[in-house]
Amino acid sequence: MNPQAHGIENPTAIDVVALSPAGDRVDVVMAQASEWDGSDRLLLLLQEKWKNYLAFAADGQLVRAYPEVAGLPWRLVLSCQSEPDERTVEFVIRADAATRAEGGTFEIRRQWITN
């Protein structure tokens, strides 16, 4: 793994932790700036990143790092620059169910622009 890599290319790093504009939720955001190609490689990187994010949020690391967010609901967010492929979307749907079992949610935030 390249320590200079960003987003899902660096599955051990937490990319962004942000409070919602209303201050009523914590978003733990993972970035994907490159195009989704449907490859096993990107899907495996995403799975690893999600597992690390889930552990960070559900096991108390989030609150230890940011005590001011204690008691707020949390959401894992996959922020994409391009539309994810079908396998990625299917993974996020399954991972959301597992994330909900731990007290949070997992969703895709689409950042691309369509004409």
N, C-alpha and C. Protein backbone atom coordinates (compact mmCIF):
# COMPACT_ATOMS: atom_id res chain seq x y z
N MET A 1 0.84 -1.18 0.00
CA MET A 1 0.00 0.00 0.00
C MET A 1 0.88 1.24 0.00
N ASN A 2 0.51 2.21 -0.78
CA ASN A 2 1.23 3.46 -0.88
C ASN A 2 0.70 4.42 0.20
N PRO A 3 1.55 4.84 1.16
CA PRO A 3 1.06 5.73 2.22
C PRO A 3 0.64 7.10 1.69
N GLN A 4 1.06 7.44 0.48
CA GLN A 4 0.66 8.71 -0.13
C GLN A 4 -0.68 8.61 -0.84
N ALA A 5 -1.20 7.40 -0.99
CA ALA A 5 -2.47 7.20 -1.68
C ALA A 5 -3.60 7.82 -0.87
N HIS A 6 -4.67 8.18 -1.58
CA HIS A 6 -5.83 8.82 -0.95
C HIS A 6 -7.08 7.98 -1.18
N GLY A 7 -8.10 8.25 -0.39
CA GLY A 7 -9.39 7.60 -0.59
C GLY A 7 -9.31 6.10 -0.40
N ILE A 8 -10.08 5.37 -1.22
CA ILE A 8 -10.09 3.92 -1.04
C ILE A 8 -8.76 3.29 -1.42
N GLU A 9 -7.90 4.04 -2.11
CA GLU A 9 -6.57 3.54 -2.44
C GLU A 9 -5.71 3.39 -1.18
N ASN A 10 -6.12 4.02 -0.08
CA ASN A 10 -5.43 3.89 1.20
C ASN A 10 -6.46 3.45 2.25
N PRO A 11 -6.75 2.16 2.31
CA PRO A 11 -7.85 1.68 3.15
C PRO A 11 -7.67 1.87 4.65
N THR A 12 -6.46 2.11 5.11
CA THR A 12 -6.26 2.26 6.55
C THR A 12 -6.46 3.69 7.04
N ALA A 13 -6.54 4.66 6.13
CA ALA A 13 -6.68 6.06 6.53
C ALA A 13 -8.15 6.47 6.60
N ILE A 14 -8.48 7.28 7.59
CA ILE A 14 -9.80 7.92 7.66
C ILE A 14 -9.66 9.23 6.90
N ASP A 15 -10.44 9.38 5.82
CA ASP A 15 -10.28 10.53 4.93
C ASP A 15 -10.84 11.82 5.53
N VAL A 16 -12.10 11.80 5.94
CA VAL A 16 -12.76 13.01 6.45
C VAL A 16 -13.76 12.63 7.54
N VAL A 17 -13.75 13.39 8.62
CA VAL A 17 -14.80 13.31 9.63
C VAL A 17 -15.42 14.70 9.69
N ALA A 18 -16.74 14.78 9.48
CA ALA A 18 -17.40 16.09 9.41
C ALA A 18 -18.74 16.05 10.13
N LEU A 19 -19.07 17.15 10.75
CA LEU A 19 -20.38 17.34 11.35
C LEU A 19 -21.33 17.80 10.27
N SER A 20 -22.56 17.32 10.29
CA SER A 20 -23.56 17.78 9.33
C SER A 20 -23.78 19.28 9.52
N PRO A 21 -24.28 19.99 8.49
CA PRO A 21 -24.51 21.43 8.64
C PRO A 21 -25.40 21.77 9.83
N ALA A 22 -26.36 20.93 10.14
CA ALA A 22 -27.24 21.18 11.28
C ALA A 22 -26.61 20.77 12.61
N GLY A 23 -25.46 20.09 12.54
CA GLY A 23 -24.77 19.66 13.76
C GLY A 23 -25.43 18.49 14.46
N ASP A 24 -26.26 17.74 13.72
CA ASP A 24 -27.01 16.66 14.34
C ASP A 24 -26.57 15.26 13.91
N ARG A 25 -25.46 15.17 13.16
CA ARG A 25 -24.98 13.87 12.68
C ARG A 25 -23.49 14.00 12.34
N VAL A 26 -22.79 12.88 12.46
CA VAL A 26 -21.38 12.83 12.08
C VAL A 26 -21.24 12.01 10.82
N ASP A 27 -20.58 12.57 9.82
CA ASP A 27 -20.29 11.85 8.58
C ASP A 27 -18.82 11.45 8.58
N VAL A 28 -18.56 10.18 8.38
CA VAL A 28 -17.19 9.67 8.22
C VAL A 28 -17.08 9.31 6.75
N VAL A 29 -16.34 10.14 6.02
CA VAL A 29 -16.37 10.12 4.56
C VAL A 29 -15.12 9.46 3.98
N MET A 30 -15.35 8.51 3.07
CA MET A 30 -14.27 7.91 2.30
C MET A 30 -14.40 8.41 0.86
N ALA A 31 -13.27 8.79 0.29
CA ALA A 31 -13.29 9.40 -1.04
C ALA A 31 -12.87 8.41 -2.12
N GLN A 32 -13.50 8.55 -3.27
CA GLN A 32 -13.10 7.79 -4.46
C GLN A 32 -13.05 8.79 -5.60
N ALA A 33 -11.85 9.23 -5.95
CA ALA A 33 -11.69 10.27 -6.96
C ALA A 33 -11.48 9.72 -8.36
N SER A 34 -11.11 8.46 -8.48
CA SER A 34 -10.90 7.90 -9.82
C SER A 34 -12.18 7.25 -10.33
N GLU A 35 -12.17 6.88 -11.58
CA GLU A 35 -13.33 6.23 -12.19
C GLU A 35 -13.49 4.82 -11.63
N TRP A 36 -14.73 4.43 -11.39
CA TRP A 36 -15.01 3.05 -11.04
C TRP A 36 -14.85 2.20 -12.29
N ASP A 37 -14.13 1.10 -12.17
CA ASP A 37 -13.89 0.26 -13.35
C ASP A 37 -14.47 -1.14 -13.22
N GLY A 38 -15.16 -1.40 -12.12
CA GLY A 38 -15.75 -2.72 -11.93
C GLY A 38 -14.75 -3.80 -11.57
N SER A 39 -13.52 -3.40 -11.28
CA SER A 39 -12.48 -4.39 -11.02
C SER A 39 -12.60 -4.98 -9.61
N ASP A 40 -12.09 -6.21 -9.49
CA ASP A 40 -12.01 -6.84 -8.18
C ASP A 40 -11.13 -6.01 -7.26
N ARG A 41 -10.07 -5.43 -7.80
CA ARG A 41 -9.12 -4.64 -7.00
C ARG A 41 -9.83 -3.50 -6.27
N LEU A 42 -10.61 -2.69 -7.00
CA LEU A 42 -11.30 -1.56 -6.36
C LEU A 42 -12.35 -2.05 -5.37
N LEU A 43 -13.04 -3.11 -5.70
CA LEU A 43 -14.06 -3.63 -4.80
C LEU A 43 -13.42 -4.14 -3.50
N LEU A 44 -12.30 -4.82 -3.61
CA LEU A 44 -11.61 -5.31 -2.41
C LEU A 44 -11.08 -4.15 -1.57
N LEU A 45 -10.55 -3.11 -2.23
CA LEU A 45 -10.09 -1.93 -1.49
C LEU A 45 -11.25 -1.27 -0.75
N LEU A 46 -12.39 -1.15 -1.42
CA LEU A 46 -13.57 -0.56 -0.79
C LEU A 46 -14.02 -1.40 0.40
N GLN A 47 -14.04 -2.71 0.24
CA GLN A 47 -14.44 -3.59 1.35
C GLN A 47 -13.52 -3.41 2.55
N GLU A 48 -12.22 -3.33 2.29
CA GLU A 48 -11.27 -3.15 3.38
C GLU A 48 -11.46 -1.78 4.04
N LYS A 49 -11.65 -0.75 3.23
CA LYS A 49 -11.86 0.60 3.77
C LYS A 49 -13.13 0.63 4.62
N TRP A 50 -14.21 0.03 4.12
CA TRP A 50 -15.46 0.01 4.88
C TRP A 50 -15.27 -0.69 6.23
N LYS A 51 -14.59 -1.83 6.24
CA LYS A 51 -14.36 -2.55 7.50
C LYS A 51 -13.61 -1.67 8.50
N ASN A 52 -12.60 -0.95 8.02
CA ASN A 52 -11.84 -0.05 8.89
C ASN A 52 -12.70 1.10 9.39
N TYR A 53 -13.52 1.67 8.52
CA TYR A 53 -14.41 2.76 8.91
C TYR A 53 -15.45 2.27 9.92
N LEU A 54 -16.00 1.10 9.68
CA LEU A 54 -17.00 0.55 10.60
C LEU A 54 -16.39 0.35 11.98
N ALA A 55 -15.21 -0.20 12.04
CA ALA A 55 -14.53 -0.38 13.32
C ALA A 55 -14.26 0.97 13.99
N PHE A 56 -13.83 1.96 13.22
CA PHE A 56 -13.54 3.29 13.74
C PHE A 56 -14.79 3.89 14.40
N ALA A 57 -15.93 3.80 13.71
CA ALA A 57 -17.16 4.41 14.22
C ALA A 57 -17.82 3.58 15.31
N ALA A 58 -17.93 2.28 15.09
CA ALA A 58 -18.72 1.44 15.99
C ALA A 58 -17.97 1.03 17.26
N ASP A 59 -16.65 0.97 17.19
CA ASP A 59 -15.88 0.49 18.34
C ASP A 59 -15.40 1.61 19.26
N GLY A 60 -15.87 2.84 19.02
CA GLY A 60 -15.56 3.94 19.93
C GLY A 60 -14.37 4.80 19.56
N GLN A 61 -13.64 4.45 18.51
CA GLN A 61 -12.50 5.27 18.13
C GLN A 61 -12.93 6.67 17.69
N LEU A 62 -14.08 6.75 17.02
CA LEU A 62 -14.61 8.04 16.57
C LEU A 62 -14.82 8.97 17.76
N VAL A 63 -15.47 8.49 18.79
CA VAL A 63 -15.75 9.32 19.97
C VAL A 63 -14.48 9.62 20.75
N ARG A 64 -13.54 8.70 20.78
CA ARG A 64 -12.27 8.98 21.46
C ARG A 64 -11.50 10.07 20.73
N ALA A 65 -11.54 10.04 19.40
CA ALA A 65 -10.82 11.06 18.62
C ALA A 65 -11.56 12.40 18.62
N TYR A 66 -12.89 12.35 18.66
CA TYR A 66 -13.73 13.55 18.60
C TYR A 66 -14.80 13.47 19.70
N PRO A 67 -14.42 13.71 20.95
CA PRO A 67 -15.38 13.54 22.05
C PRO A 67 -16.62 14.42 21.94
N GLU A 68 -16.51 15.51 21.22
CA GLU A 68 -17.65 16.42 21.07
C GLU A 68 -18.80 15.80 20.28
N VAL A 69 -18.56 14.69 19.57
CA VAL A 69 -19.63 14.06 18.78
C VAL A 69 -20.31 12.90 19.52
N ALA A 70 -19.92 12.68 20.76
CA ALA A 70 -20.53 11.60 21.55
C ALA A 70 -22.04 11.77 21.58
N GLY A 71 -22.75 10.69 21.32
CA GLY A 71 -24.20 10.70 21.35
C GLY A 71 -24.86 11.05 20.03
N LEU A 72 -24.10 11.55 19.06
CA LEU A 72 -24.68 11.87 17.76
C LEU A 72 -24.74 10.63 16.88
N PRO A 73 -25.76 10.52 16.03
CA PRO A 73 -25.78 9.42 15.07
C PRO A 73 -24.64 9.59 14.07
N TRP A 74 -24.16 8.47 13.52
CA TRP A 74 -23.06 8.54 12.56
C TRP A 74 -23.44 7.83 11.27
N ARG A 75 -22.77 8.28 10.22
CA ARG A 75 -23.02 7.75 8.88
C ARG A 75 -21.68 7.59 8.17
N LEU A 76 -21.47 6.44 7.56
CA LEU A 76 -20.32 6.24 6.68
C LEU A 76 -20.76 6.65 5.29
N VAL A 77 -19.93 7.44 4.61
CA VAL A 77 -20.28 7.98 3.31
C VAL A 77 -19.18 7.65 2.31
N LEU A 78 -19.58 7.06 1.19
CA LEU A 78 -18.67 6.84 0.07
C LEU A 78 -18.91 7.98 -0.91
N SER A 79 -17.98 8.92 -0.97
CA SER A 79 -18.10 10.09 -1.83
C SER A 79 -17.39 9.79 -3.15
N CYS A 80 -18.14 9.83 -4.24
CA CYS A 80 -17.63 9.41 -5.55
C CYS A 80 -17.59 10.57 -6.55
N GLN A 81 -16.59 10.55 -7.41
CA GLN A 81 -16.49 11.51 -8.50
C GLN A 81 -17.15 10.98 -9.77
N SER A 82 -17.43 9.70 -9.79
CA SER A 82 -18.10 9.09 -10.95
C SER A 82 -19.11 8.06 -10.44
N GLU A 83 -20.02 7.70 -11.30
CA GLU A 83 -21.06 6.75 -10.90
C GLU A 83 -20.45 5.37 -10.64
N PRO A 84 -20.74 4.79 -9.47
CA PRO A 84 -20.20 3.47 -9.17
C PRO A 84 -20.80 2.39 -10.08
N ASP A 85 -20.02 1.35 -10.30
CA ASP A 85 -20.51 0.21 -11.08
C ASP A 85 -21.51 -0.58 -10.24
N GLU A 86 -22.20 -1.49 -10.88
CA GLU A 86 -23.28 -2.25 -10.24
C GLU A 86 -22.79 -3.07 -9.04
N ARG A 87 -21.63 -3.70 -9.16
CA ARG A 87 -21.12 -4.51 -8.04
C ARG A 87 -20.83 -3.64 -6.81
N THR A 88 -20.32 -2.44 -7.05
CA THR A 88 -20.04 -1.53 -5.94
C THR A 88 -21.33 -1.11 -5.26
N VAL A 89 -22.34 -0.77 -6.04
CA VAL A 89 -23.64 -0.39 -5.47
C VAL A 89 -24.22 -1.54 -4.66
N GLU A 90 -24.14 -2.76 -5.19
CA GLU A 90 -24.64 -3.93 -4.47
C GLU A 90 -23.90 -4.13 -3.15
N PHE A 91 -22.58 -3.92 -3.18
CA PHE A 91 -21.80 -4.05 -1.95
C PHE A 91 -22.26 -3.02 -0.91
N VAL A 92 -22.44 -1.77 -1.34
CA VAL A 92 -22.85 -0.72 -0.41
C VAL A 92 -24.21 -1.05 0.21
N ILE A 93 -25.12 -1.58 -0.57
CA ILE A 93 -26.44 -1.96 -0.03
C ILE A 93 -26.28 -3.03 1.06
N ARG A 94 -25.47 -4.05 0.78
CA ARG A 94 -25.24 -5.11 1.79
C ARG A 94 -24.50 -4.56 3.01
N ALA A 95 -23.49 -3.73 2.75
CA ALA A 95 -22.70 -3.17 3.86
C ALA A 95 -23.54 -2.22 4.71
N ASP A 96 -24.51 -1.54 4.09
CA ASP A 96 -25.38 -0.66 4.86
C ASP A 96 -26.17 -1.46 5.89
N ALA A 97 -26.65 -2.63 5.51
CA ALA A 97 -27.39 -3.47 6.46
C ALA A 97 -26.50 -3.84 7.64
N ALA A 98 -25.26 -4.21 7.37
CA ALA A 98 -24.33 -4.56 8.45
C ALA A 98 -23.98 -3.33 9.29
N THR A 99 -23.87 -2.18 8.65
CA THR A 99 -23.56 -0.94 9.36
C THR A 99 -24.72 -0.55 10.27
N ARG A 100 -25.94 -0.72 9.78
CA ARG A 100 -27.13 -0.42 10.61
C ARG A 100 -27.17 -1.30 11.85
N ALA A 101 -26.72 -2.54 11.72
CA ALA A 101 -26.69 -3.44 12.88
C ALA A 101 -25.72 -2.94 13.95
N GLU A 102 -24.77 -2.09 13.55
CA GLU A 102 -23.79 -1.52 14.49
C GLU A 102 -24.19 -0.11 14.95
N GLY A 103 -25.32 0.40 14.45
CA GLY A 103 -25.82 1.69 14.92
C GLY A 103 -25.64 2.86 13.98
N GLY A 104 -25.11 2.63 12.79
CA GLY A 104 -24.91 3.71 11.83
C GLY A 104 -25.59 3.41 10.52
N THR A 105 -25.20 4.13 9.48
CA THR A 105 -25.67 3.87 8.13
C THR A 105 -24.48 4.00 7.18
N PHE A 106 -24.65 3.49 5.96
CA PHE A 106 -23.60 3.59 4.93
C PHE A 106 -24.29 3.93 3.63
N GLU A 107 -23.83 4.98 2.98
CA GLU A 107 -24.46 5.39 1.73
C GLU A 107 -23.44 5.97 0.76
N ILE A 108 -23.88 6.08 -0.47
CA ILE A 108 -23.08 6.69 -1.53
C ILE A 108 -23.51 8.14 -1.66
N ARG A 109 -22.54 9.03 -1.70
CA ARG A 109 -22.80 10.44 -2.00
C ARG A 109 -22.21 10.72 -3.37
N ARG A 110 -23.06 10.93 -4.30
CA ARG A 110 -22.62 11.13 -5.67
C ARG A 110 -22.22 12.59 -5.88
N GLN A 111 -20.99 12.79 -6.32
CA GLN A 111 -20.45 14.13 -6.52
C GLN A 111 -20.32 14.49 -8.00
N TRP A 112 -20.75 13.60 -8.89
CA TRP A 112 -20.55 13.87 -10.30
C TRP A 112 -21.66 14.75 -10.85
N ILE A 113 -21.40 15.39 -11.96
CA ILE A 113 -22.36 16.28 -12.60
C ILE A 113 -22.81 15.65 -13.90
N THR A 114 -24.11 15.62 -14.13
CA THR A 114 -24.63 15.09 -15.39
C THR A 114 -25.16 16.24 -16.22
N ASN A 115 -25.11 16.08 -17.52
CA ASN A 115 -25.62 17.13 -18.42
C ASN A 115 -27.00 16.79 -18.90
